[in-house]
Amino acid sequence: MHTTFRDRSEAGRLLADQLHAYERQTNTLVLALPRGGMPVGFEIASKLALPLDVLVVRKLGVPGQEELAMGAIASGGLRVLNEEVLRAMPHAAAMVAAVTNEEAREVERRERDYRQERPEPKLDGRVVILVDDGLATGATMLAAIAALRKKNPAKIVVAVPVCPPDTKQEIERAADEVVILFAPHWFRGVGQFYENFAQLSDETVRLLLARAAERN
């Protein structure tokens, strides 16, 4: 198995090879976490002839300690809270409300920007393949899974090129099926496994989504 990917597109093609059971399945769609997950998701959706959409997830960081997540908010107003962190915080409810409002606006802005006028996909009873370009702690993906559960999909499949072994175990507990190409013990960061790990713009996400929508 590869220890590095040329870029996110190559990683997506390699993942698609592992997901061929879902090819042309009418009740299946690919949801990419932007921005990095979009080129990966685009390749999977292209190779498997599946629709592609986006799931915007934003971490709810503790003010002044943004790395510490109180929870996360996802497309469609879905919110997941980290009760453990909240229990240790004074004025937790007010803080969560303020940060949620701020991040919800950003989720909505990105949704509008990425999707343009296209409607949100219906997820009830469908198989959802959730895609990112790699996971470190897995917190964002876990929030995405928890948020998606509220939409009643038939099955959640997580497909990512690379993550550390302990994150893989956590994701396996949360999702119905997990396809990970590589889970090395020497993991330091997602970028180390890509020759080209350039930052992506909102414009790139928009273009890939538009191209995928034209295809369907």
N, C-alpha and C. Protein backbone atom coordinates (compact mmCIF):
# COMPACT_ATOMS: atom_id res chain seq x y z
N MET A 1 0.85 -1.20 0.00
CA MET A 1 0.00 0.00 0.00
C MET A 1 0.88 1.24 0.00
N HIS A 2 0.40 2.25 -0.69
CA HIS A 2 1.10 3.54 -0.75
C HIS A 2 1.44 4.04 0.65
N THR A 3 2.60 4.67 0.77
CA THR A 3 2.85 5.42 2.00
C THR A 3 2.64 6.91 1.74
N THR A 4 2.65 7.31 0.47
CA THR A 4 2.27 8.70 0.15
C THR A 4 1.38 8.71 -1.08
N PHE A 5 0.55 9.73 -1.13
CA PHE A 5 -0.32 9.94 -2.29
C PHE A 5 0.22 11.13 -3.06
N ARG A 6 0.07 11.07 -4.38
CA ARG A 6 0.53 12.21 -5.18
C ARG A 6 -0.25 13.46 -4.79
N ASP A 7 -1.56 13.33 -4.71
CA ASP A 7 -2.42 14.44 -4.31
C ASP A 7 -3.76 13.87 -3.86
N ARG A 8 -4.69 14.75 -3.53
CA ARG A 8 -5.99 14.29 -3.02
C ARG A 8 -6.78 13.51 -4.07
N SER A 9 -6.58 13.87 -5.34
CA SER A 9 -7.31 13.18 -6.41
C SER A 9 -6.88 11.72 -6.50
N GLU A 10 -5.57 11.49 -6.43
CA GLU A 10 -5.09 10.11 -6.47
C GLU A 10 -5.62 9.32 -5.27
N ALA A 11 -5.62 9.94 -4.09
CA ALA A 11 -6.15 9.27 -2.90
C ALA A 11 -7.62 8.89 -3.10
N GLY A 12 -8.37 9.77 -3.74
CA GLY A 12 -9.79 9.50 -4.01
C GLY A 12 -9.97 8.32 -4.95
N ARG A 13 -9.13 8.25 -5.98
CA ARG A 13 -9.23 7.13 -6.94
C ARG A 13 -8.91 5.80 -6.26
N LEU A 14 -7.91 5.82 -5.38
CA LEU A 14 -7.55 4.58 -4.66
C LEU A 14 -8.66 4.16 -3.70
N LEU A 15 -9.30 5.13 -3.06
CA LEU A 15 -10.43 4.82 -2.18
C LEU A 15 -11.60 4.25 -2.98
N ALA A 16 -11.83 4.83 -4.15
CA ALA A 16 -12.95 4.36 -4.99
C ALA A 16 -12.80 2.88 -5.33
N ASP A 17 -11.55 2.44 -5.52
CA ASP A 17 -11.30 1.02 -5.82
C ASP A 17 -11.79 0.11 -4.70
N GLN A 18 -11.76 0.64 -3.46
CA GLN A 18 -12.18 -0.15 -2.30
C GLN A 18 -13.69 -0.05 -2.05
N LEU A 19 -14.35 0.80 -2.81
CA LEU A 19 -15.77 1.06 -2.56
C LEU A 19 -16.65 0.63 -3.73
N HIS A 20 -16.11 -0.25 -4.59
CA HIS A 20 -16.84 -0.55 -5.84
C HIS A 20 -18.19 -1.24 -5.60
N ALA A 21 -18.40 -1.79 -4.40
CA ALA A 21 -19.72 -2.40 -4.08
C ALA A 21 -20.84 -1.36 -4.17
N TYR A 22 -20.48 -0.08 -4.06
CA TYR A 22 -21.51 0.98 -4.06
C TYR A 22 -21.69 1.61 -5.44
N GLU A 23 -20.98 1.11 -6.43
CA GLU A 23 -21.04 1.71 -7.76
C GLU A 23 -22.48 1.70 -8.30
N ARG A 24 -22.91 2.88 -8.76
CA ARG A 24 -24.23 3.06 -9.39
C ARG A 24 -25.41 2.66 -8.48
N GLN A 25 -25.19 2.63 -7.18
CA GLN A 25 -26.30 2.31 -6.26
C GLN A 25 -27.18 3.56 -6.11
N THR A 26 -28.43 3.44 -6.50
CA THR A 26 -29.28 4.64 -6.58
C THR A 26 -29.58 5.27 -5.22
N ASN A 27 -29.45 4.48 -4.14
CA ASN A 27 -29.76 5.05 -2.81
C ASN A 27 -28.51 5.54 -2.09
N THR A 28 -27.39 5.66 -2.81
CA THR A 28 -26.10 6.02 -2.19
C THR A 28 -25.62 7.38 -2.69
N LEU A 29 -25.06 8.18 -1.78
CA LEU A 29 -24.42 9.42 -2.22
C LEU A 29 -23.13 9.65 -1.43
N VAL A 30 -22.27 10.47 -2.00
CA VAL A 30 -20.99 10.82 -1.38
C VAL A 30 -21.13 12.22 -0.77
N LEU A 31 -20.78 12.34 0.52
CA LEU A 31 -20.75 13.64 1.19
C LEU A 31 -19.30 13.94 1.57
N ALA A 32 -18.77 15.03 1.04
CA ALA A 32 -17.38 15.40 1.34
C ALA A 32 -17.34 16.49 2.40
N LEU A 33 -16.34 16.40 3.29
CA LEU A 33 -16.09 17.47 4.26
C LEU A 33 -15.15 18.47 3.61
N PRO A 34 -15.61 19.72 3.43
CA PRO A 34 -14.74 20.70 2.78
C PRO A 34 -13.72 21.27 3.77
N ARG A 35 -12.61 21.79 3.28
CA ARG A 35 -12.35 21.85 1.85
C ARG A 35 -11.61 20.61 1.36
N GLY A 36 -10.72 20.07 2.21
CA GLY A 36 -9.81 19.01 1.76
C GLY A 36 -10.48 17.74 1.27
N GLY A 37 -11.68 17.45 1.79
CA GLY A 37 -12.35 16.22 1.38
C GLY A 37 -12.97 16.28 -0.01
N MET A 38 -13.11 17.51 -0.55
CA MET A 38 -13.85 17.64 -1.80
C MET A 38 -13.17 16.99 -3.01
N PRO A 39 -11.86 17.20 -3.26
CA PRO A 39 -11.25 16.51 -4.40
C PRO A 39 -11.26 14.99 -4.24
N VAL A 40 -11.14 14.52 -2.99
CA VAL A 40 -11.19 13.08 -2.71
C VAL A 40 -12.59 12.56 -3.05
N GLY A 41 -13.61 13.26 -2.54
CA GLY A 41 -15.00 12.87 -2.78
C GLY A 41 -15.37 12.95 -4.25
N PHE A 42 -14.83 13.95 -4.94
CA PHE A 42 -15.13 14.12 -6.37
C PHE A 42 -14.69 12.90 -7.16
N GLU A 43 -13.49 12.41 -6.86
CA GLU A 43 -12.98 11.23 -7.59
C GLU A 43 -13.81 9.98 -7.27
N ILE A 44 -14.17 9.82 -6.00
CA ILE A 44 -14.98 8.66 -5.61
C ILE A 44 -16.33 8.70 -6.32
N ALA A 45 -16.97 9.87 -6.27
CA ALA A 45 -18.28 10.01 -6.92
C ALA A 45 -18.18 9.79 -8.43
N SER A 46 -17.10 10.29 -9.04
CA SER A 46 -16.91 10.13 -10.49
C SER A 46 -16.75 8.67 -10.87
N LYS A 47 -15.85 7.99 -10.16
CA LYS A 47 -15.56 6.59 -10.50
C LYS A 47 -16.74 5.66 -10.23
N LEU A 48 -17.54 5.98 -9.21
CA LEU A 48 -18.64 5.09 -8.83
C LEU A 48 -19.99 5.56 -9.38
N ALA A 49 -19.97 6.65 -10.17
CA ALA A 49 -21.19 7.21 -10.76
C ALA A 49 -22.25 7.49 -9.68
N LEU A 50 -21.82 8.23 -8.64
CA LEU A 50 -22.71 8.57 -7.53
C LEU A 50 -22.84 10.09 -7.42
N PRO A 51 -23.95 10.58 -6.86
CA PRO A 51 -24.05 12.02 -6.63
C PRO A 51 -23.08 12.47 -5.53
N LEU A 52 -22.63 13.71 -5.63
CA LEU A 52 -21.70 14.28 -4.66
C LEU A 52 -22.32 15.51 -4.03
N ASP A 53 -22.21 15.62 -2.72
CA ASP A 53 -22.63 16.83 -2.04
C ASP A 53 -21.64 17.13 -0.92
N VAL A 54 -21.96 18.14 -0.13
CA VAL A 54 -21.01 18.64 0.86
C VAL A 54 -21.66 18.61 2.24
N LEU A 55 -20.85 18.29 3.25
CA LEU A 55 -21.32 18.40 4.64
C LEU A 55 -20.35 19.34 5.35
N VAL A 56 -20.83 20.55 5.63
CA VAL A 56 -19.98 21.54 6.30
C VAL A 56 -20.04 21.29 7.80
N VAL A 57 -18.88 21.10 8.41
CA VAL A 57 -18.81 20.89 9.86
C VAL A 57 -17.87 21.94 10.45
N ARG A 58 -18.30 22.61 11.49
CA ARG A 58 -17.46 23.60 12.17
C ARG A 58 -17.34 23.23 13.63
N LYS A 59 -16.12 23.28 14.13
CA LYS A 59 -15.89 23.01 15.54
C LYS A 59 -16.40 24.18 16.38
N LEU A 60 -16.98 23.88 17.55
CA LEU A 60 -17.35 24.93 18.51
C LEU A 60 -16.22 25.02 19.52
N GLY A 61 -15.29 25.94 19.29
CA GLY A 61 -14.12 26.07 20.16
C GLY A 61 -14.44 26.89 21.40
N VAL A 62 -13.79 26.55 22.50
CA VAL A 62 -13.93 27.34 23.74
C VAL A 62 -13.26 28.70 23.50
N PRO A 63 -13.96 29.82 23.72
CA PRO A 63 -13.35 31.13 23.49
C PRO A 63 -12.03 31.26 24.25
N GLY A 64 -11.01 31.67 23.53
CA GLY A 64 -9.68 31.80 24.12
C GLY A 64 -8.89 30.52 24.12
N GLN A 65 -9.55 29.40 23.90
CA GLN A 65 -8.87 28.08 23.80
C GLN A 65 -9.50 27.34 22.62
N GLU A 66 -9.42 27.96 21.44
CA GLU A 66 -10.18 27.46 20.29
C GLU A 66 -9.91 25.99 19.94
N GLU A 67 -8.73 25.51 20.31
CA GLU A 67 -8.41 24.11 20.00
C GLU A 67 -9.26 23.13 20.82
N LEU A 68 -9.74 23.60 21.97
CA LEU A 68 -10.57 22.75 22.83
C LEU A 68 -12.02 22.83 22.34
N ALA A 69 -12.56 21.71 21.88
CA ALA A 69 -13.89 21.72 21.27
C ALA A 69 -14.98 21.47 22.30
N MET A 70 -15.96 22.38 22.34
CA MET A 70 -17.16 22.17 23.18
C MET A 70 -18.15 21.30 22.43
N GLY A 71 -17.91 21.16 21.13
CA GLY A 71 -18.81 20.40 20.28
C GLY A 71 -18.59 20.81 18.84
N ALA A 72 -19.58 20.56 18.01
CA ALA A 72 -19.46 20.93 16.59
C ALA A 72 -20.87 21.16 16.04
N ILE A 73 -20.90 21.91 14.95
CA ILE A 73 -22.18 22.17 14.28
C ILE A 73 -22.00 21.81 12.82
N ALA A 74 -23.03 21.22 12.23
CA ALA A 74 -22.94 20.76 10.85
C ALA A 74 -24.09 21.32 10.03
N SER A 75 -23.98 21.14 8.72
CA SER A 75 -25.03 21.55 7.78
C SER A 75 -26.41 21.17 8.30
N GLY A 76 -27.36 22.03 8.04
CA GLY A 76 -28.74 21.73 8.42
C GLY A 76 -29.02 22.00 9.89
N GLY A 77 -28.14 22.78 10.55
CA GLY A 77 -28.36 23.14 11.95
C GLY A 77 -28.17 22.01 12.93
N LEU A 78 -27.47 20.96 12.53
CA LEU A 78 -27.25 19.82 13.42
C LEU A 78 -26.11 20.14 14.38
N ARG A 79 -26.34 19.95 15.68
CA ARG A 79 -25.31 20.29 16.66
C ARG A 79 -25.01 19.10 17.56
N VAL A 80 -23.74 18.89 17.85
CA VAL A 80 -23.29 17.84 18.76
C VAL A 80 -22.46 18.52 19.84
N LEU A 81 -22.74 18.22 21.12
CA LEU A 81 -22.00 18.87 22.21
C LEU A 81 -21.12 17.86 22.96
N ASN A 82 -19.99 18.36 23.43
CA ASN A 82 -19.08 17.55 24.23
C ASN A 82 -19.38 17.81 25.71
N GLU A 83 -20.22 16.95 26.28
CA GLU A 83 -20.69 17.19 27.67
C GLU A 83 -19.54 17.22 28.67
N GLU A 84 -18.52 16.44 28.42
CA GLU A 84 -17.37 16.37 29.34
C GLU A 84 -16.70 17.74 29.48
N VAL A 85 -16.48 18.38 28.33
CA VAL A 85 -15.85 19.72 28.33
C VAL A 85 -16.80 20.73 28.98
N LEU A 86 -18.09 20.63 28.66
CA LEU A 86 -19.05 21.62 29.17
C LEU A 86 -19.22 21.55 30.67
N ARG A 87 -19.15 20.35 31.22
CA ARG A 87 -19.31 20.20 32.68
C ARG A 87 -18.24 20.96 33.44
N ALA A 88 -17.07 21.08 32.84
CA ALA A 88 -15.94 21.73 33.52
C ALA A 88 -15.93 23.25 33.34
N MET A 89 -16.92 23.78 32.61
CA MET A 89 -16.91 25.20 32.28
C MET A 89 -17.99 25.99 33.01
N PRO A 90 -17.60 27.15 33.60
CA PRO A 90 -18.64 28.04 34.13
C PRO A 90 -19.36 28.72 32.96
N HIS A 91 -20.62 29.07 33.16
CA HIS A 91 -21.42 29.78 32.13
C HIS A 91 -21.42 29.05 30.79
N ALA A 92 -21.41 27.73 30.85
CA ALA A 92 -21.30 26.93 29.62
C ALA A 92 -22.43 27.22 28.64
N ALA A 93 -23.67 27.27 29.13
CA ALA A 93 -24.82 27.42 28.22
C ALA A 93 -24.73 28.70 27.40
N ALA A 94 -24.40 29.80 28.07
CA ALA A 94 -24.31 31.09 27.36
C ALA A 94 -23.17 31.08 26.35
N MET A 95 -22.06 30.48 26.76
CA MET A 95 -20.89 30.42 25.87
C MET A 95 -21.19 29.59 24.63
N VAL A 96 -21.82 28.43 24.84
CA VAL A 96 -22.17 27.55 23.72
C VAL A 96 -23.12 28.27 22.77
N ALA A 97 -24.10 28.96 23.33
CA ALA A 97 -25.08 29.67 22.50
C ALA A 97 -24.40 30.72 21.61
N ALA A 98 -23.48 31.48 22.21
CA ALA A 98 -22.80 32.55 21.47
C ALA A 98 -21.93 31.97 20.34
N VAL A 99 -21.15 30.95 20.68
CA VAL A 99 -20.25 30.36 19.68
C VAL A 99 -21.06 29.64 18.60
N THR A 100 -22.17 28.99 19.00
CA THR A 100 -23.02 28.30 18.03
C THR A 100 -23.58 29.28 17.01
N ASN A 101 -24.06 30.43 17.49
CA ASN A 101 -24.61 31.45 16.57
C ASN A 101 -23.58 31.88 15.54
N GLU A 102 -22.37 32.12 16.03
CA GLU A 102 -21.28 32.57 15.16
C GLU A 102 -20.95 31.51 14.11
N GLU A 103 -20.75 30.27 14.57
CA GLU A 103 -20.36 29.19 13.65
C GLU A 103 -21.51 28.80 12.73
N ALA A 104 -22.75 28.91 13.22
CA ALA A 104 -23.90 28.59 12.37
C ALA A 104 -23.97 29.54 11.17
N ARG A 105 -23.62 30.79 11.42
CA ARG A 105 -23.59 31.76 10.31
C ARG A 105 -22.54 31.36 9.28
N GLU A 106 -21.38 30.90 9.77
CA GLU A 106 -20.31 30.49 8.86
C GLU A 106 -20.71 29.23 8.09
N VAL A 107 -21.38 28.28 8.76
CA VAL A 107 -21.87 27.08 8.08
C VAL A 107 -22.84 27.48 6.97
N GLU A 108 -23.77 28.38 7.29
CA GLU A 108 -24.76 28.82 6.30
C GLU A 108 -24.09 29.54 5.13
N ARG A 109 -23.11 30.38 5.45
CA ARG A 109 -22.40 31.11 4.39
C ARG A 109 -21.74 30.12 3.43
N ARG A 110 -21.05 29.14 4.01
CA ARG A 110 -20.36 28.15 3.16
C ARG A 110 -21.35 27.31 2.36
N GLU A 111 -22.44 26.92 3.02
CA GLU A 111 -23.48 26.14 2.33
C GLU A 111 -23.96 26.88 1.08
N ARG A 112 -24.32 28.15 1.28
CA ARG A 112 -24.83 28.96 0.15
C ARG A 112 -23.76 29.10 -0.92
N ASP A 113 -22.55 29.39 -0.47
CA ASP A 113 -21.44 29.62 -1.39
C ASP A 113 -21.13 28.35 -2.19
N TYR A 114 -21.05 27.22 -1.52
CA TYR A 114 -20.67 25.98 -2.20
C TYR A 114 -21.78 25.44 -3.08
N ARG A 115 -23.01 25.48 -2.55
CA ARG A 115 -24.10 24.81 -3.25
C ARG A 115 -24.78 25.70 -4.27
N GLN A 116 -24.52 27.02 -4.18
CA GLN A 116 -25.24 28.01 -4.99
C GLN A 116 -26.74 27.81 -4.75
N GLU A 117 -27.52 27.55 -5.79
CA GLU A 117 -28.98 27.44 -5.59
C GLU A 117 -29.45 25.99 -5.44
N ARG A 118 -28.52 25.05 -5.45
CA ARG A 118 -28.95 23.64 -5.42
C ARG A 118 -29.49 23.27 -4.03
N PRO A 119 -30.56 22.48 -3.98
CA PRO A 119 -31.14 22.12 -2.68
C PRO A 119 -30.28 21.12 -1.92
N GLU A 120 -30.47 21.07 -0.61
CA GLU A 120 -29.79 20.06 0.21
C GLU A 120 -30.28 18.66 -0.17
N PRO A 121 -29.40 17.67 -0.12
CA PRO A 121 -29.86 16.32 -0.45
C PRO A 121 -30.70 15.71 0.67
N LYS A 122 -31.61 14.85 0.32
CA LYS A 122 -32.39 14.09 1.31
C LYS A 122 -31.54 12.88 1.73
N LEU A 123 -31.36 12.69 3.02
CA LEU A 123 -30.47 11.62 3.51
C LEU A 123 -31.23 10.47 4.17
N ASP A 124 -32.49 10.69 4.46
CA ASP A 124 -33.30 9.69 5.15
C ASP A 124 -33.32 8.36 4.37
N GLY A 125 -32.87 7.28 5.03
CA GLY A 125 -32.91 5.96 4.40
C GLY A 125 -31.87 5.72 3.33
N ARG A 126 -30.91 6.63 3.18
CA ARG A 126 -29.89 6.47 2.13
C ARG A 126 -28.55 6.02 2.74
N VAL A 127 -27.71 5.46 1.88
CA VAL A 127 -26.35 5.12 2.28
C VAL A 127 -25.48 6.35 2.01
N VAL A 128 -24.79 6.81 3.03
CA VAL A 128 -23.96 8.01 2.89
C VAL A 128 -22.48 7.63 3.03
N ILE A 129 -21.69 7.97 2.01
CA ILE A 129 -20.23 7.76 2.10
C ILE A 129 -19.62 9.11 2.49
N LEU A 130 -19.12 9.19 3.72
CA LEU A 130 -18.54 10.43 4.26
C LEU A 130 -17.04 10.44 3.98
N VAL A 131 -16.56 11.52 3.38
CA VAL A 131 -15.18 11.54 2.87
C VAL A 131 -14.41 12.74 3.38
N ASP A 132 -13.15 12.51 3.76
CA ASP A 132 -12.22 13.61 4.03
C ASP A 132 -10.84 13.21 3.48
N ASP A 133 -9.88 14.15 3.52
CA ASP A 133 -8.56 13.83 2.94
C ASP A 133 -7.62 13.17 3.95
N GLY A 134 -8.11 12.96 5.17
CA GLY A 134 -7.32 12.33 6.22
C GLY A 134 -7.83 12.82 7.57
N LEU A 135 -7.52 12.08 8.62
CA LEU A 135 -7.99 12.45 9.95
C LEU A 135 -6.80 12.47 10.90
N ALA A 136 -6.78 13.42 11.82
CA ALA A 136 -5.76 13.42 12.88
C ALA A 136 -6.44 12.93 14.16
N THR A 137 -7.13 13.81 14.88
CA THR A 137 -7.85 13.35 16.08
C THR A 137 -9.18 12.70 15.70
N GLY A 138 -9.71 13.05 14.54
CA GLY A 138 -11.00 12.50 14.11
C GLY A 138 -12.20 13.25 14.68
N ALA A 139 -11.96 14.33 15.43
CA ALA A 139 -13.07 15.04 16.10
C ALA A 139 -14.11 15.56 15.11
N THR A 140 -13.64 16.12 14.01
CA THR A 140 -14.58 16.67 13.02
C THR A 140 -15.40 15.56 12.39
N MET A 141 -14.75 14.45 12.05
CA MET A 141 -15.48 13.34 11.43
C MET A 141 -16.48 12.73 12.41
N LEU A 142 -16.09 12.61 13.68
CA LEU A 142 -17.02 12.08 14.69
C LEU A 142 -18.24 12.99 14.83
N ALA A 143 -18.01 14.29 14.76
CA ALA A 143 -19.13 15.25 14.83
C ALA A 143 -20.02 15.10 13.58
N ALA A 144 -19.38 14.91 12.43
CA ALA A 144 -20.14 14.73 11.19
C ALA A 144 -21.01 13.48 11.27
N ILE A 145 -20.46 12.39 11.81
CA ILE A 145 -21.21 11.14 11.94
C ILE A 145 -22.40 11.34 12.89
N ALA A 146 -22.12 11.94 14.04
CA ALA A 146 -23.18 12.16 15.05
C ALA A 146 -24.29 13.05 14.48
N ALA A 147 -23.90 14.09 13.74
CA ALA A 147 -24.88 14.99 13.14
C ALA A 147 -25.71 14.25 12.09
N LEU A 148 -25.04 13.44 11.28
CA LEU A 148 -25.72 12.70 10.22
C LEU A 148 -26.74 11.70 10.77
N ARG A 149 -26.42 11.11 11.90
CA ARG A 149 -27.33 10.12 12.51
C ARG A 149 -28.72 10.72 12.70
N LYS A 150 -28.76 12.03 12.99
CA LYS A 150 -30.04 12.70 13.23
C LYS A 150 -30.88 12.79 11.95
N LYS A 151 -30.25 12.54 10.81
CA LYS A 151 -30.97 12.59 9.52
C LYS A 151 -31.45 11.19 9.09
N ASN A 152 -31.23 10.20 9.94
CA ASN A 152 -31.70 8.83 9.68
C ASN A 152 -31.22 8.18 8.39
N PRO A 153 -29.93 8.23 8.09
CA PRO A 153 -29.47 7.49 6.92
C PRO A 153 -29.53 5.98 7.20
N ALA A 154 -29.61 5.19 6.14
CA ALA A 154 -29.64 3.73 6.31
C ALA A 154 -28.28 3.23 6.79
N LYS A 155 -27.21 3.90 6.33
CA LYS A 155 -25.86 3.42 6.64
C LYS A 155 -24.87 4.57 6.45
N ILE A 156 -23.90 4.66 7.36
CA ILE A 156 -22.83 5.66 7.22
C ILE A 156 -21.51 4.93 6.98
N VAL A 157 -20.92 5.21 5.83
CA VAL A 157 -19.62 4.64 5.46
C VAL A 157 -18.60 5.78 5.50
N VAL A 158 -17.54 5.63 6.29
CA VAL A 158 -16.49 6.65 6.32
C VAL A 158 -15.34 6.17 5.43
N ALA A 159 -14.93 7.03 4.50
CA ALA A 159 -13.82 6.69 3.60
C ALA A 159 -12.77 7.79 3.64
N VAL A 160 -11.60 7.46 4.19
CA VAL A 160 -10.51 8.43 4.23
C VAL A 160 -9.20 7.72 3.88
N PRO A 161 -8.26 8.45 3.28
CA PRO A 161 -7.01 7.82 2.86
C PRO A 161 -6.12 7.41 4.04
N VAL A 162 -6.06 8.26 5.09
CA VAL A 162 -5.06 8.01 6.13
C VAL A 162 -5.50 8.60 7.47
N CYS A 163 -5.13 7.90 8.56
CA CYS A 163 -5.33 8.42 9.91
C CYS A 163 -4.51 7.55 10.86
N PRO A 164 -4.27 8.01 12.10
CA PRO A 164 -3.54 7.17 13.06
C PRO A 164 -4.42 6.02 13.56
N PRO A 165 -3.81 4.94 14.07
CA PRO A 165 -4.56 3.74 14.48
C PRO A 165 -5.63 4.00 15.54
N ASP A 166 -5.34 4.85 16.53
CA ASP A 166 -6.34 5.06 17.59
C ASP A 166 -7.56 5.82 17.06
N THR A 167 -7.33 6.74 16.12
CA THR A 167 -8.45 7.44 15.49
C THR A 167 -9.28 6.47 14.67
N LYS A 168 -8.61 5.56 13.98
CA LYS A 168 -9.33 4.56 13.17
C LYS A 168 -10.29 3.75 14.06
N GLN A 169 -9.81 3.37 15.23
CA GLN A 169 -10.66 2.59 16.15
C GLN A 169 -11.89 3.38 16.58
N GLU A 170 -11.68 4.67 16.87
CA GLU A 170 -12.81 5.51 17.28
C GLU A 170 -13.84 5.65 16.17
N ILE A 171 -13.36 5.83 14.96
CA ILE A 171 -14.27 5.99 13.82
C ILE A 171 -15.01 4.68 13.57
N GLU A 172 -14.32 3.57 13.75
CA GLU A 172 -14.96 2.26 13.55
C GLU A 172 -16.10 2.03 14.55
N ARG A 173 -15.94 2.59 15.74
CA ARG A 173 -17.01 2.46 16.73
C ARG A 173 -18.23 3.32 16.36
N ALA A 174 -17.98 4.43 15.68
CA ALA A 174 -19.06 5.39 15.41
C ALA A 174 -19.78 5.16 14.08
N ALA A 175 -19.05 4.68 13.07
CA ALA A 175 -19.64 4.51 11.74
C ALA A 175 -20.09 3.06 11.53
N ASP A 176 -20.84 2.83 10.45
CA ASP A 176 -21.30 1.47 10.15
C ASP A 176 -20.25 0.68 9.36
N GLU A 177 -19.48 1.41 8.56
CA GLU A 177 -18.40 0.77 7.78
C GLU A 177 -17.30 1.80 7.63
N VAL A 178 -16.05 1.35 7.66
CA VAL A 178 -14.92 2.28 7.55
C VAL A 178 -13.93 1.74 6.52
N VAL A 179 -13.56 2.61 5.58
CA VAL A 179 -12.54 2.26 4.58
C VAL A 179 -11.40 3.25 4.74
N ILE A 180 -10.28 2.77 5.27
CA ILE A 180 -9.10 3.62 5.46
C ILE A 180 -7.93 2.90 4.80
N LEU A 181 -7.23 3.58 3.92
CA LEU A 181 -6.18 2.93 3.16
C LEU A 181 -4.93 2.67 4.00
N PHE A 182 -4.71 3.51 4.99
CA PHE A 182 -3.42 3.51 5.65
C PHE A 182 -3.58 4.07 7.06
N ALA A 183 -3.17 3.31 8.09
CA ALA A 183 -3.26 3.80 9.48
C ALA A 183 -1.92 3.54 10.19
N PRO A 184 -0.90 4.34 9.86
CA PRO A 184 0.44 4.10 10.38
C PRO A 184 0.64 4.60 11.81
N HIS A 185 1.48 3.91 12.54
CA HIS A 185 1.80 4.33 13.92
C HIS A 185 2.65 5.60 13.95
N TRP A 186 3.36 5.86 12.87
CA TRP A 186 4.26 7.02 12.86
C TRP A 186 3.55 8.28 12.34
N PHE A 187 2.24 8.29 12.40
CA PHE A 187 1.44 9.43 11.94
C PHE A 187 1.80 10.69 12.72
N ARG A 188 2.12 11.78 12.01
CA ARG A 188 2.36 13.08 12.66
C ARG A 188 1.33 14.11 12.21
N GLY A 189 0.89 13.98 10.97
CA GLY A 189 -0.11 14.91 10.43
C GLY A 189 -0.51 14.44 9.05
N VAL A 190 -1.69 14.83 8.62
CA VAL A 190 -2.21 14.35 7.33
C VAL A 190 -1.27 14.73 6.18
N GLY A 191 -0.74 15.95 6.24
CA GLY A 191 0.08 16.47 5.14
C GLY A 191 1.32 15.64 4.83
N GLN A 192 1.83 14.91 5.81
CA GLN A 192 3.06 14.13 5.57
C GLN A 192 2.83 12.99 4.56
N PHE A 193 1.58 12.64 4.30
CA PHE A 193 1.28 11.52 3.41
C PHE A 193 0.91 11.97 1.99
N TYR A 194 1.08 13.27 1.72
CA TYR A 194 0.78 13.81 0.40
C TYR A 194 2.00 14.52 -0.17
N GLU A 195 2.30 14.25 -1.46
CA GLU A 195 3.35 15.02 -2.13
C GLU A 195 2.85 16.45 -2.36
N ASN A 196 1.58 16.56 -2.77
CA ASN A 196 0.97 17.87 -2.96
C ASN A 196 -0.21 18.00 -1.99
N PHE A 197 -0.04 18.87 -0.98
CA PHE A 197 -1.10 19.05 0.02
C PHE A 197 -1.44 20.54 0.09
N ALA A 198 -1.60 21.13 -1.09
CA ALA A 198 -1.85 22.58 -1.15
C ALA A 198 -3.18 22.92 -0.50
N GLN A 199 -3.24 24.12 0.07
CA GLN A 199 -4.50 24.63 0.61
C GLN A 199 -5.50 24.77 -0.52
N LEU A 200 -6.76 24.49 -0.24
CA LEU A 200 -7.79 24.62 -1.27
C LEU A 200 -8.65 25.84 -0.98
N SER A 201 -9.16 26.44 -2.05
CA SER A 201 -10.02 27.62 -1.88
C SER A 201 -11.49 27.21 -1.92
N ASP A 202 -12.34 28.11 -1.45
CA ASP A 202 -13.78 27.89 -1.56
C ASP A 202 -14.18 27.75 -3.02
N GLU A 203 -13.48 28.48 -3.88
CA GLU A 203 -13.76 28.44 -5.32
C GLU A 203 -13.59 27.01 -5.86
N THR A 204 -12.53 26.33 -5.42
CA THR A 204 -12.29 24.95 -5.87
C THR A 204 -13.45 24.04 -5.45
N VAL A 205 -13.88 24.18 -4.20
CA VAL A 205 -15.00 23.38 -3.70
C VAL A 205 -16.24 23.63 -4.55
N ARG A 206 -16.51 24.90 -4.83
CA ARG A 206 -17.68 25.30 -5.62
C ARG A 206 -17.63 24.68 -7.02
N LEU A 207 -16.46 24.76 -7.65
CA LEU A 207 -16.31 24.24 -9.02
C LEU A 207 -16.50 22.73 -9.07
N LEU A 208 -15.91 22.02 -8.12
CA LEU A 208 -16.03 20.55 -8.12
C LEU A 208 -17.47 20.13 -7.88
N LEU A 209 -18.16 20.83 -6.97
CA LEU A 209 -19.58 20.51 -6.72
C LEU A 209 -20.42 20.77 -7.95
N ALA A 210 -20.15 21.89 -8.63
CA ALA A 210 -20.91 22.25 -9.83
C ALA A 210 -20.66 21.21 -10.93
N ARG A 211 -19.40 20.79 -11.08
CA ARG A 211 -19.09 19.78 -12.11
C ARG A 211 -19.78 18.46 -11.80
N ALA A 212 -19.81 18.09 -10.53
CA ALA A 212 -20.47 16.84 -10.14
C ALA A 212 -21.98 16.94 -10.38
N ALA A 213 -22.57 18.12 -10.12
CA ALA A 213 -24.01 18.29 -10.31
C ALA A 213 -24.39 18.20 -11.79
N GLU A 214 -23.51 18.72 -12.65
CA GLU A 214 -23.77 18.65 -14.11
C GLU A 214 -23.78 17.21 -14.58
N ARG A 215 -22.96 16.39 -13.95
CA ARG A 215 -22.81 14.99 -14.38
C ARG A 215 -24.06 14.18 -14.05
N ASN A 216 -24.74 14.55 -12.96
CA ASN A 216 -25.89 13.74 -12.51
C ASN A 216 -27.18 14.16 -13.21
